[in-house]
């Protein structure tokens, strides 16, 4: 059973980290679930209140940062609410519509179309689209770093107990 527990934990960590890059995956929630799998298979004893508080705060920061940083990229380049919505729609559906490049082209095209709908000229819409990519890449790096911190903190925490 211990092997099954560790396989599930590592699989959830892998899915979680992949979720930093591929937004359709559960990301931080998969990592958070891995902590419960550890508790169910082994013990919840290593996890005190501080562990859960810190990990929960990281998850909350991840969710807030994911939206805020992406929207920041669009807004920084003069984008409207329509381009933020378009970029968000693009990041969700892009990977399905354009499998190989949808993760990058989806938010780019979504922001571009959103900005055109808002009445901007194509030059401004293009500038805003690049801002959406900057937001996407920045958000991905932030998510990846915070999710790695969650995993590292988990191993440190169980190693100390």
Protein backbone atom coordinates (compact mmCIF):
# COMPACT_ATOMS: atom_id res chain seq x y z
CA UNK A 1 0.00 0.00 0.00
CA UNK A 2 2.91 2.35 0.66
CA UNK A 3 4.03 2.07 -2.96
CA UNK A 4 0.52 2.85 -4.20
CA UNK A 5 0.37 5.86 -1.86
CA UNK A 6 3.66 7.27 -3.15
CA UNK A 7 2.69 6.61 -6.78
CA UNK A 8 -0.53 8.58 -6.25
CA UNK A 9 1.29 11.39 -4.44
CA UNK A 10 3.97 11.72 -7.12
CA UNK A 11 1.32 11.53 -9.88
CA UNK A 12 -0.66 14.32 -8.21
CA UNK A 13 2.50 16.42 -7.85
CA UNK A 14 3.26 15.87 -11.55
CA UNK A 15 -0.28 16.80 -12.61
CA UNK A 16 -0.12 19.84 -10.34
CA UNK A 17 3.16 21.08 -11.76
CA UNK A 18 1.98 20.43 -15.31
CA UNK A 19 -1.08 22.51 -14.43
CA UNK A 20 1.19 25.54 -14.06
CA UNK A 21 1.85 25.31 -17.79
CA UNK A 22 -1.33 23.68 -19.05
CA UNK A 23 -4.21 25.53 -17.37
CA UNK A 24 -6.88 22.90 -17.99
CA UNK A 25 -5.17 20.68 -15.36
CA UNK A 26 -6.04 21.26 -11.69
CA UNK A 27 -2.59 22.61 -10.75
CA UNK A 28 -2.36 23.62 -7.11
CA UNK A 29 -5.46 21.63 -6.19
CA UNK A 30 -3.79 18.40 -7.35
CA UNK A 31 -0.78 19.20 -5.17
CA UNK A 32 -3.07 20.02 -2.24
CA UNK A 33 -4.90 16.73 -2.77
CA UNK A 34 -1.54 14.90 -2.62
CA UNK A 35 -1.21 16.06 1.00
CA UNK A 36 -4.50 14.33 1.83
CA UNK A 37 -3.41 11.19 -0.01
CA UNK A 38 -0.27 11.17 2.15
CA UNK A 39 -2.41 11.53 5.26
CA UNK A 40 -4.78 8.74 4.23
CA UNK A 41 -2.01 6.31 3.27
CA UNK A 42 0.52 7.20 5.95
CA UNK A 43 -0.47 9.73 8.59
CA UNK A 44 -1.74 13.22 9.08
CA UNK A 45 0.50 13.56 12.16
CA UNK A 46 3.30 15.50 10.40
CA UNK A 47 0.82 18.17 9.33
CA UNK A 48 0.01 20.67 11.99
CA UNK A 49 -2.06 23.81 11.73
CA UNK A 50 0.86 25.83 10.37
CA UNK A 51 1.38 23.42 7.49
CA UNK A 52 -2.27 23.73 6.42
CA UNK A 53 -2.32 27.51 6.90
CA UNK A 54 0.82 28.02 4.81
CA UNK A 55 -0.26 25.63 2.05
CA UNK A 56 -3.77 27.08 1.91
CA UNK A 57 -2.37 30.61 1.68
CA UNK A 58 -0.14 29.53 -1.21
CA UNK A 59 -3.16 28.04 -3.01
CA UNK A 60 -5.17 31.24 -2.48
CA UNK A 61 -2.25 33.35 -3.73
CA UNK A 62 -1.97 31.05 -6.76
CA UNK A 63 -5.62 31.51 -7.70
CA UNK A 64 -5.54 35.27 -7.22
CA UNK A 65 -2.18 35.67 -8.97
CA UNK A 66 -3.28 33.55 -11.90
CA UNK A 67 -6.05 35.94 -12.80
CA UNK A 68 -4.44 39.18 -11.63
CA UNK A 69 -1.08 38.66 -13.37
CA UNK A 70 -2.75 37.64 -16.65
CA UNK A 71 -5.06 40.65 -16.52
CA UNK A 72 -2.10 42.86 -15.55
CA UNK A 73 -0.31 41.96 -18.79
CA UNK A 74 -3.33 42.98 -20.84
CA UNK A 75 -4.00 46.15 -18.84
CA UNK A 76 -0.32 47.15 -18.82
CA UNK A 77 -0.44 47.34 -22.60
CA UNK A 78 -3.66 49.37 -22.62
CA UNK A 79 -6.16 46.55 -22.96
CA UNK A 80 -9.83 46.79 -22.16
CA UNK A 81 -12.06 44.47 -20.15
CA UNK A 82 -13.05 42.83 -23.44
CA UNK A 83 -9.44 41.87 -24.15
CA UNK A 84 -9.03 40.42 -20.63
CA UNK A 85 -12.15 38.31 -21.20
CA UNK A 86 -10.98 37.33 -24.69
CA UNK A 87 -7.57 36.34 -23.38
CA UNK A 88 -9.16 34.24 -20.63
CA UNK A 89 -11.43 32.50 -23.12
CA UNK A 90 -8.45 31.94 -25.40
CA UNK A 91 -6.36 30.34 -22.66
CA UNK A 92 -9.19 27.93 -21.84
CA UNK A 93 -10.20 26.93 -25.38
CA UNK A 94 -6.99 27.59 -27.33
CA UNK A 95 -5.29 24.30 -26.44
CA UNK A 96 -8.33 22.37 -27.72
CA UNK A 97 -8.85 24.35 -30.91
CA UNK A 98 -5.15 24.59 -31.87
CA UNK A 99 -3.57 21.61 -30.04
CA UNK A 100 0.12 22.29 -30.63
CA UNK A 101 0.15 26.07 -30.22
CA UNK A 102 -3.20 26.87 -28.61
CA UNK A 103 -1.73 27.61 -25.23
CA UNK A 104 0.13 30.58 -26.72
CA UNK A 105 -2.10 31.50 -29.65
CA UNK A 106 -5.37 31.17 -27.70
CA UNK A 107 -4.85 34.07 -25.29
CA UNK A 108 -3.09 36.08 -28.00
CA UNK A 109 -6.00 35.72 -30.45
CA UNK A 110 -8.57 36.11 -27.66
CA UNK A 111 -7.07 39.40 -26.51
CA UNK A 112 -6.75 40.59 -30.11
CA UNK A 113 -10.39 39.82 -30.94
CA UNK A 114 -11.58 41.22 -27.61
CA UNK A 115 -9.75 44.46 -28.19
CA UNK A 116 -11.13 44.75 -31.74
CA UNK A 117 -14.64 44.18 -30.39
CA UNK A 118 -13.99 46.97 -27.87
CA UNK A 119 -13.32 49.27 -30.83
CA UNK A 120 -9.52 49.44 -30.85
CA UNK A 121 -7.54 49.61 -34.06
CA UNK A 122 -5.55 46.52 -35.16
CA UNK A 123 -2.24 48.09 -34.06
CA UNK A 124 -3.44 48.61 -30.50
CA UNK A 125 -5.10 45.19 -30.46
CA UNK A 126 -1.78 43.62 -31.49
CA UNK A 127 0.06 45.48 -28.72
CA UNK A 128 -2.50 44.32 -26.16
CA UNK A 129 -2.19 40.74 -27.46
CA UNK A 130 1.54 40.80 -26.74
CA UNK A 131 0.67 42.05 -23.27
CA UNK A 132 -1.56 39.03 -22.79
CA UNK A 133 1.39 36.77 -23.64
CA UNK A 134 3.61 38.64 -21.18
CA UNK A 135 0.93 38.13 -18.53
CA UNK A 136 0.62 34.45 -19.42
CA UNK A 137 4.36 33.81 -19.21
CA UNK A 138 4.70 35.79 -15.98
CA UNK A 139 1.74 33.97 -14.47
CA UNK A 140 3.17 30.60 -15.51
CA UNK A 141 6.52 31.35 -13.86
CA UNK A 142 4.83 32.55 -10.65
CA UNK A 143 2.56 29.48 -10.54
CA UNK A 144 5.43 27.11 -11.19
CA UNK A 145 7.58 28.65 -8.45
CA UNK A 146 4.76 28.63 -5.90
CA UNK A 147 3.77 25.07 -6.75
CA UNK A 148 7.37 23.91 -6.44
CA UNK A 149 7.45 25.67 -3.07
CA UNK A 150 4.36 23.69 -2.02
CA UNK A 151 6.02 20.38 -2.93
CA UNK A 152 9.35 21.28 -1.34
CA UNK A 153 7.59 22.45 1.83
CA UNK A 154 5.72 19.14 1.95
CA UNK A 155 8.95 17.11 1.80
CA UNK A 156 10.65 19.35 4.36
CA UNK A 157 7.63 19.09 6.66
CA UNK A 158 7.40 15.28 6.53
CA UNK A 159 11.19 15.04 6.81
CA UNK A 160 11.12 16.99 10.06
CA UNK A 161 8.50 14.71 11.62
